[in-house]
């Protein structure tokens, strides 16, 4: 099993700067989180390669009915010592990990994580490792943003 993470890189000289990594082993999750903690790294959109694709009937990513899109929406971020994770799929509405009440909100162009949804980086790593292996939403406490 594997997933691919894609994230923007804040670079004033290159507004299209981005990075990508395919994760195919639990130890690679740790490497991904290291890269996401680097200065300028934005939230990563994650696509699990072993989940189904759906027909893009609304034309979100191409011509309606022609393009296939993931059946899930997973985003991960690291900021100020906290990890953030949001997940949605056909079985689960959009939700964030229930985190430390002291964690600040994290807002980006793509996703907003509410205050209290940040978790310790090791908790985030465990959730992503579970997602890698199962392809399903990780166990744990989730809340609706």
N, C-alpha and C. Protein backbone atom coordinates (compact mmCIF):
# COMPACT_ATOMS: atom_id res chain seq x y z
N UNK A 1 0.84 -1.17 0.00
CA UNK A 1 0.00 0.00 0.00
C UNK A 1 0.89 1.24 0.00
N UNK A 2 0.34 2.32 -0.56
CA UNK A 2 1.11 3.56 -0.59
C UNK A 2 0.16 4.75 -0.70
N UNK A 3 0.68 5.92 -0.34
CA UNK A 3 -0.03 7.15 -0.61
C UNK A 3 0.95 8.20 -1.10
N UNK A 4 0.43 9.17 -1.82
CA UNK A 4 1.23 10.26 -2.33
C UNK A 4 0.78 11.55 -1.66
N UNK A 5 1.75 12.32 -1.20
CA UNK A 5 1.50 13.61 -0.58
C UNK A 5 2.06 14.70 -1.48
N UNK A 6 1.28 15.76 -1.67
CA UNK A 6 1.69 16.91 -2.48
C UNK A 6 1.42 18.15 -1.66
N UNK A 7 2.41 19.07 -1.60
CA UNK A 7 2.22 20.26 -0.79
C UNK A 7 2.93 21.46 -1.41
N UNK A 8 2.39 22.66 -1.15
CA UNK A 8 3.03 23.87 -1.65
C UNK A 8 4.23 24.24 -0.78
N UNK A 9 5.15 24.96 -1.37
CA UNK A 9 6.30 25.49 -0.66
C UNK A 9 6.25 27.01 -0.80
N UNK A 10 6.18 27.70 0.33
CA UNK A 10 6.18 29.16 0.29
C UNK A 10 7.54 29.66 -0.16
N UNK A 11 7.58 30.26 -1.36
CA UNK A 11 8.83 30.76 -1.93
C UNK A 11 8.50 32.03 -2.70
N UNK A 12 8.98 33.17 -2.22
CA UNK A 12 8.64 34.43 -2.86
C UNK A 12 9.18 34.53 -4.28
N UNK A 13 10.20 33.75 -4.63
CA UNK A 13 10.76 33.78 -5.97
C UNK A 13 10.07 32.80 -6.92
N UNK A 14 9.28 31.88 -6.37
CA UNK A 14 8.61 30.87 -7.19
C UNK A 14 7.24 30.58 -6.60
N UNK A 15 6.22 31.25 -7.10
CA UNK A 15 4.87 31.12 -6.53
C UNK A 15 4.25 29.75 -6.81
N UNK A 16 4.86 28.98 -7.71
CA UNK A 16 4.35 27.64 -8.00
C UNK A 16 5.17 26.54 -7.34
N UNK A 17 6.05 26.91 -6.40
CA UNK A 17 6.91 25.91 -5.76
C UNK A 17 6.07 24.90 -4.99
N UNK A 18 6.41 23.64 -5.16
CA UNK A 18 5.69 22.55 -4.49
C UNK A 18 6.63 21.37 -4.35
N UNK A 19 6.19 20.41 -3.55
CA UNK A 19 6.97 19.19 -3.39
C UNK A 19 6.00 18.02 -3.36
N UNK A 20 6.53 16.83 -3.52
CA UNK A 20 5.72 15.61 -3.58
C UNK A 20 6.54 14.46 -3.03
N UNK A 21 5.85 13.52 -2.40
CA UNK A 21 6.52 12.33 -1.88
C UNK A 21 5.53 11.16 -1.88
N UNK A 22 5.98 10.01 -2.35
CA UNK A 22 5.19 8.79 -2.24
C UNK A 22 5.69 8.03 -1.02
N UNK A 23 4.75 7.65 -0.17
CA UNK A 23 5.05 6.95 1.07
C UNK A 23 4.57 5.50 0.90
N UNK A 24 5.51 4.55 1.03
CA UNK A 24 5.14 3.15 0.84
C UNK A 24 5.60 2.25 1.99
N UNK A 25 6.07 2.87 3.07
CA UNK A 25 6.49 2.12 4.26
C UNK A 25 6.30 3.02 5.48
N UNK A 26 5.98 2.44 6.64
CA UNK A 26 5.75 3.25 7.83
C UNK A 26 6.89 4.23 8.15
N UNK A 27 8.15 3.80 7.96
CA UNK A 27 9.24 4.71 8.28
C UNK A 27 9.29 5.92 7.34
N UNK A 28 8.70 5.78 6.16
CA UNK A 28 8.64 6.90 5.23
C UNK A 28 7.67 7.98 5.72
N UNK A 29 6.71 7.61 6.56
CA UNK A 29 5.82 8.61 7.16
C UNK A 29 6.65 9.60 7.98
N UNK A 30 7.62 9.09 8.73
CA UNK A 30 8.48 9.96 9.53
C UNK A 30 9.27 10.92 8.64
N UNK A 31 9.75 10.43 7.51
CA UNK A 31 10.48 11.28 6.57
C UNK A 31 9.55 12.35 5.99
N UNK A 32 8.31 11.98 5.68
CA UNK A 32 7.34 12.95 5.18
C UNK A 32 7.11 14.05 6.21
N UNK A 33 6.90 13.67 7.45
CA UNK A 33 6.64 14.67 8.49
C UNK A 33 7.85 15.58 8.70
N UNK A 34 9.04 15.06 8.55
CA UNK A 34 10.24 15.90 8.62
C UNK A 34 10.21 16.95 7.52
N UNK A 35 9.86 16.52 6.33
CA UNK A 35 9.81 17.46 5.20
C UNK A 35 8.69 18.48 5.38
N UNK A 36 7.57 18.06 5.94
CA UNK A 36 6.45 19.00 6.16
C UNK A 36 6.73 19.99 7.29
N UNK A 37 7.74 19.71 8.11
CA UNK A 37 8.08 20.62 9.19
C UNK A 37 9.13 21.66 8.75
N UNK A 38 9.61 21.55 7.52
CA UNK A 38 10.59 22.50 7.01
C UNK A 38 9.95 23.86 6.77
N UNK A 39 10.73 24.94 6.89
CA UNK A 39 10.19 26.28 6.66
C UNK A 39 9.55 26.40 5.28
N UNK A 40 8.39 27.00 5.23
CA UNK A 40 7.68 27.21 3.97
C UNK A 40 6.79 26.09 3.53
N UNK A 41 6.89 24.91 4.15
CA UNK A 41 6.05 23.78 3.73
C UNK A 41 4.60 24.04 4.15
N UNK A 42 3.70 23.90 3.20
CA UNK A 42 2.28 24.06 3.48
C UNK A 42 1.62 22.72 3.74
N UNK A 43 0.31 22.71 3.90
CA UNK A 43 -0.40 21.46 4.15
C UNK A 43 -0.34 20.54 2.93
N UNK A 44 -0.22 19.24 3.19
CA UNK A 44 -0.11 18.24 2.13
C UNK A 44 -1.45 17.56 1.89
N UNK A 45 -1.82 17.48 0.63
CA UNK A 45 -2.99 16.71 0.22
C UNK A 45 -2.49 15.29 -0.02
N UNK A 46 -3.19 14.32 0.56
CA UNK A 46 -2.74 12.92 0.49
C UNK A 46 -3.76 12.10 -0.30
N UNK A 47 -3.25 11.33 -1.25
CA UNK A 47 -4.09 10.41 -2.01
C UNK A 47 -3.58 9.00 -1.82
N UNK A 48 -4.41 8.16 -1.19
CA UNK A 48 -4.05 6.76 -0.99
C UNK A 48 -4.25 6.01 -2.29
N UNK A 49 -3.21 5.33 -2.77
CA UNK A 49 -3.24 4.68 -4.08
C UNK A 49 -4.11 3.43 -4.13
N UNK A 50 -4.51 2.91 -2.97
CA UNK A 50 -5.29 1.68 -2.96
C UNK A 50 -6.76 1.90 -2.64
N UNK A 51 -7.20 3.16 -2.71
CA UNK A 51 -8.62 3.46 -2.54
C UNK A 51 -9.24 3.68 -3.91
N UNK A 52 -10.55 3.52 -4.00
CA UNK A 52 -11.21 3.68 -5.31
C UNK A 52 -11.17 5.12 -5.83
N UNK A 53 -11.30 5.22 -7.14
CA UNK A 53 -11.46 6.52 -7.78
C UNK A 53 -12.93 6.65 -8.18
N UNK A 54 -13.41 7.89 -8.17
CA UNK A 54 -14.79 8.18 -8.52
C UNK A 54 -14.83 9.02 -9.79
N UNK A 55 -15.93 8.93 -10.51
CA UNK A 55 -16.12 9.77 -11.68
C UNK A 55 -16.34 11.20 -11.22
N UNK A 56 -15.63 12.14 -11.80
CA UNK A 56 -15.74 13.56 -11.47
C UNK A 56 -16.94 14.14 -12.22
N UNK A 57 -18.13 13.92 -11.68
CA UNK A 57 -19.36 14.36 -12.35
C UNK A 57 -19.55 15.87 -12.33
N UNK A 58 -18.88 16.56 -11.40
CA UNK A 58 -19.02 18.01 -11.29
C UNK A 58 -17.95 18.77 -12.06
N UNK A 59 -16.97 18.08 -12.60
CA UNK A 59 -15.91 18.75 -13.33
C UNK A 59 -14.93 19.49 -12.44
N UNK A 60 -14.68 18.94 -11.25
CA UNK A 60 -13.76 19.59 -10.32
C UNK A 60 -12.33 19.61 -10.83
N UNK A 61 -11.91 18.55 -11.51
CA UNK A 61 -10.52 18.44 -11.97
C UNK A 61 -10.39 18.20 -13.47
N UNK A 62 -11.43 18.43 -14.20
CA UNK A 62 -11.37 18.20 -15.64
C UNK A 62 -12.77 18.16 -16.21
N UNK A 63 -12.89 17.59 -17.39
CA UNK A 63 -14.19 17.51 -18.04
C UNK A 63 -15.12 16.60 -17.24
N UNK A 64 -16.34 17.08 -16.93
CA UNK A 64 -17.27 16.26 -16.14
C UNK A 64 -17.49 14.89 -16.79
N UNK A 65 -17.43 13.85 -15.95
CA UNK A 65 -17.68 12.50 -16.42
C UNK A 65 -16.50 11.81 -17.07
N UNK A 66 -15.39 12.53 -17.26
CA UNK A 66 -14.22 11.95 -17.91
C UNK A 66 -13.10 11.69 -16.91
N UNK A 67 -12.87 12.63 -16.04
CA UNK A 67 -11.78 12.54 -15.07
C UNK A 67 -12.19 11.71 -13.86
N UNK A 68 -11.24 10.96 -13.32
CA UNK A 68 -11.45 10.21 -12.08
C UNK A 68 -10.77 10.95 -10.94
N UNK A 69 -11.43 10.99 -9.78
CA UNK A 69 -10.89 11.67 -8.61
C UNK A 69 -10.91 10.72 -7.41
N UNK A 70 -10.05 10.97 -6.42
CA UNK A 70 -10.04 10.10 -5.23
C UNK A 70 -11.39 10.13 -4.51
N UNK A 71 -11.71 9.03 -3.85
CA UNK A 71 -12.96 8.96 -3.09
C UNK A 71 -12.77 9.51 -1.67
N UNK A 72 -11.62 10.12 -1.42
CA UNK A 72 -11.32 10.60 -0.07
C UNK A 72 -10.62 11.96 -0.16
N UNK A 73 -10.69 12.69 0.94
CA UNK A 73 -10.03 13.98 1.06
C UNK A 73 -9.25 13.95 2.38
N UNK A 74 -7.93 13.90 2.28
CA UNK A 74 -7.08 13.82 3.46
C UNK A 74 -6.01 14.91 3.33
N UNK A 75 -5.87 15.71 4.39
CA UNK A 75 -4.87 16.78 4.40
C UNK A 75 -4.14 16.72 5.73
N UNK A 76 -2.82 16.89 5.67
CA UNK A 76 -1.97 16.85 6.86
C UNK A 76 -1.07 18.08 6.87
N UNK A 77 -0.80 18.59 8.07
CA UNK A 77 0.08 19.75 8.20
C UNK A 77 0.80 19.69 9.54
N UNK A 78 1.94 20.35 9.60
CA UNK A 78 2.68 20.53 10.84
C UNK A 78 2.94 22.02 11.01
N UNK A 79 2.71 22.50 12.23
CA UNK A 79 2.97 23.92 12.49
C UNK A 79 3.06 24.16 13.98
N UNK A 80 4.05 24.94 14.36
CA UNK A 80 4.22 25.36 15.76
C UNK A 80 4.23 24.19 16.73
N UNK A 81 4.82 23.07 16.32
CA UNK A 81 4.94 21.91 17.19
C UNK A 81 3.71 21.03 17.27
N UNK A 82 2.70 21.32 16.44
CA UNK A 82 1.48 20.51 16.42
C UNK A 82 1.29 19.90 15.03
N UNK A 83 0.65 18.72 15.01
CA UNK A 83 0.28 18.08 13.77
C UNK A 83 -1.22 18.20 13.57
N UNK A 84 -1.63 18.38 12.32
CA UNK A 84 -3.03 18.56 11.98
C UNK A 84 -3.42 17.55 10.90
N UNK A 85 -4.62 16.98 11.02
CA UNK A 85 -5.09 15.99 10.05
C UNK A 85 -6.59 16.15 9.88
N UNK A 86 -7.02 16.23 8.63
CA UNK A 86 -8.44 16.22 8.31
C UNK A 86 -8.70 15.06 7.35
N UNK A 87 -9.89 14.49 7.46
CA UNK A 87 -10.21 13.30 6.67
C UNK A 87 -11.70 13.29 6.33
N UNK A 88 -12.00 12.89 5.11
CA UNK A 88 -13.38 12.64 4.67
C UNK A 88 -13.33 11.53 3.64
N UNK A 89 -14.36 10.71 3.63
CA UNK A 89 -14.52 9.67 2.62
C UNK A 89 -16.01 9.32 2.56
N UNK A 90 -16.42 8.40 1.69
CA UNK A 90 -17.84 8.10 1.58
C UNK A 90 -18.50 7.63 2.89
N UNK A 91 -17.72 7.06 3.81
CA UNK A 91 -18.28 6.58 5.07
C UNK A 91 -18.20 7.62 6.19
N UNK A 92 -17.43 8.69 6.00
CA UNK A 92 -17.19 9.67 7.06
C UNK A 92 -17.26 11.09 6.53
N UNK A 93 -18.01 11.95 7.23
CA UNK A 93 -18.02 13.36 6.90
C UNK A 93 -16.67 13.97 7.23
N UNK A 94 -16.42 15.15 6.70
CA UNK A 94 -15.17 15.86 6.99
C UNK A 94 -15.00 16.03 8.49
N UNK A 95 -13.84 15.64 9.00
CA UNK A 95 -13.56 15.74 10.43
C UNK A 95 -12.06 15.96 10.63
N UNK A 96 -11.73 16.50 11.80
CA UNK A 96 -10.33 16.70 12.19
C UNK A 96 -10.07 15.86 13.42
N UNK A 97 -8.80 15.49 13.60
CA UNK A 97 -8.44 14.80 14.84
C UNK A 97 -8.76 15.71 16.02
N UNK A 98 -9.33 15.13 17.06
CA UNK A 98 -9.55 15.89 18.29
C UNK A 98 -8.18 16.06 18.94
N UNK A 99 -7.79 17.30 19.14
CA UNK A 99 -6.43 17.56 19.58
C UNK A 99 -6.33 18.22 20.93
N UNK A 100 -5.19 18.82 21.16
CA UNK A 100 -4.88 19.53 22.38
C UNK A 100 -5.67 20.84 22.39
N UNK A 101 -6.47 21.08 23.42
CA UNK A 101 -7.25 22.33 23.47
C UNK A 101 -6.37 23.58 23.37
N UNK A 102 -5.10 23.47 23.72
CA UNK A 102 -4.20 24.62 23.66
C UNK A 102 -3.61 24.85 22.26
N UNK A 103 -3.85 23.94 21.33
CA UNK A 103 -3.28 24.10 20.00
C UNK A 103 -3.97 25.24 19.25
N UNK A 104 -3.18 26.05 18.53
CA UNK A 104 -3.78 27.17 17.80
C UNK A 104 -4.44 26.69 16.51
N UNK A 105 -5.27 27.56 15.95
CA UNK A 105 -5.83 27.22 14.64
C UNK A 105 -4.71 27.32 13.60
N UNK A 106 -4.93 26.71 12.45
CA UNK A 106 -3.98 26.76 11.35
C UNK A 106 -4.80 26.98 10.10
N UNK A 107 -4.57 28.11 9.46
CA UNK A 107 -5.33 28.48 8.27
C UNK A 107 -4.40 28.55 7.07
N UNK A 108 -4.88 28.03 5.95
CA UNK A 108 -4.12 28.08 4.70
C UNK A 108 -5.09 28.36 3.57
N UNK A 109 -4.56 28.47 2.37
CA UNK A 109 -5.42 28.70 1.21
C UNK A 109 -6.34 27.51 0.94
N UNK A 110 -5.87 26.31 1.28
CA UNK A 110 -6.62 25.11 0.93
C UNK A 110 -7.51 24.60 2.06
N UNK A 111 -7.03 24.68 3.29
CA UNK A 111 -7.74 24.07 4.40
C UNK A 111 -7.54 24.89 5.67
N UNK A 112 -8.54 24.89 6.52
CA UNK A 112 -8.46 25.54 7.82
C UNK A 112 -8.65 24.49 8.90
N UNK A 113 -7.72 24.49 9.86
CA UNK A 113 -7.83 23.60 11.01
C UNK A 113 -8.21 24.47 12.21
N UNK A 114 -9.28 24.14 12.90
CA UNK A 114 -9.68 24.97 14.04
C UNK A 114 -8.75 24.81 15.24
N UNK A 115 -8.76 25.82 16.10
CA UNK A 115 -8.02 25.72 17.36
C UNK A 115 -8.49 24.47 18.09
N UNK A 116 -7.56 23.80 18.75
CA UNK A 116 -7.89 22.58 19.48
C UNK A 116 -7.82 21.32 18.64
N UNK A 117 -7.44 21.44 17.36
CA UNK A 117 -7.36 20.24 16.51
C UNK A 117 -5.92 19.79 16.27
N UNK A 118 -4.96 20.47 16.87
CA UNK A 118 -3.57 20.07 16.73
C UNK A 118 -3.21 18.97 17.72
N UNK A 119 -2.45 18.00 17.25
CA UNK A 119 -2.03 16.88 18.09
C UNK A 119 -0.51 16.83 18.14
N UNK A 120 0.02 16.06 19.06
CA UNK A 120 1.47 15.85 19.11
C UNK A 120 1.93 15.19 17.82
N UNK A 121 3.12 15.54 17.32
CA UNK A 121 3.60 14.95 16.08
C UNK A 121 3.63 13.42 16.08
N UNK A 122 3.89 12.79 17.23
CA UNK A 122 3.90 11.32 17.25
C UNK A 122 2.50 10.74 17.09
N UNK A 123 1.49 11.47 17.56
CA UNK A 123 0.09 11.04 17.37
C UNK A 123 -0.27 11.15 15.88
N UNK A 124 0.15 12.24 15.25
CA UNK A 124 -0.07 12.41 13.81
C UNK A 124 0.62 11.30 13.04
N UNK A 125 1.87 11.00 13.39
CA UNK A 125 2.61 9.95 12.70
C UNK A 125 1.90 8.61 12.82
N UNK A 126 1.41 8.28 13.99
CA UNK A 126 0.70 7.01 14.19
C UNK A 126 -0.56 6.96 13.33
N UNK A 127 -1.29 8.07 13.26
CA UNK A 127 -2.52 8.10 12.45
C UNK A 127 -2.20 7.91 10.97
N UNK A 128 -1.15 8.57 10.48
CA UNK A 128 -0.78 8.42 9.08
C UNK A 128 -0.26 7.01 8.76
N UNK A 129 0.45 6.41 9.69
CA UNK A 129 0.92 5.03 9.49
C UNK A 129 -0.26 4.07 9.42
N UNK A 130 -1.26 4.31 10.24
CA UNK A 130 -2.46 3.48 10.19
C UNK A 130 -3.18 3.67 8.86
N UNK A 131 -3.31 4.92 8.41
CA UNK A 131 -3.95 5.19 7.13
C UNK A 131 -3.18 4.53 5.99
N UNK A 132 -1.86 4.58 6.03
CA UNK A 132 -1.04 3.94 5.01
C UNK A 132 -1.34 2.45 4.91
N UNK A 133 -1.41 1.78 6.05
CA UNK A 133 -1.58 0.33 6.08
C UNK A 133 -3.02 -0.10 5.76
N UNK A 134 -4.00 0.65 6.26
CA UNK A 134 -5.39 0.22 6.11
C UNK A 134 -6.13 0.89 4.95
N UNK A 135 -5.71 2.11 4.59
CA UNK A 135 -6.45 2.87 3.58
C UNK A 135 -7.74 3.45 4.13
N UNK A 136 -7.97 3.29 5.41
CA UNK A 136 -9.20 3.78 6.04
C UNK A 136 -8.89 4.89 7.04
N UNK A 137 -9.94 5.61 7.43
CA UNK A 137 -9.75 6.66 8.42
C UNK A 137 -9.18 6.04 9.69
N UNK A 138 -8.12 6.64 10.23
CA UNK A 138 -7.52 6.09 11.44
C UNK A 138 -8.49 6.10 12.62
N UNK A 139 -8.30 5.14 13.50
CA UNK A 139 -9.08 5.11 14.74
C UNK A 139 -8.70 6.34 15.56
N UNK A 140 -9.52 6.66 16.52
CA UNK A 140 -9.21 7.80 17.37
C UNK A 140 -10.40 8.72 17.50
N UNK A 141 -10.19 9.80 18.22
CA UNK A 141 -11.25 10.79 18.43
C UNK A 141 -11.20 11.80 17.30
N UNK A 142 -12.34 12.01 16.67
CA UNK A 142 -12.48 12.96 15.58
C UNK A 142 -13.57 13.95 15.93
N UNK A 143 -13.48 15.14 15.40
CA UNK A 143 -14.54 16.13 15.62
C UNK A 143 -14.82 16.85 14.30
N UNK A 144 -16.03 17.35 14.17
CA UNK A 144 -16.43 18.07 12.98
C UNK A 144 -16.00 19.53 13.15
N UNK A 145 -15.26 20.04 12.16
CA UNK A 145 -14.78 21.43 12.30
C UNK A 145 -15.91 22.44 12.23
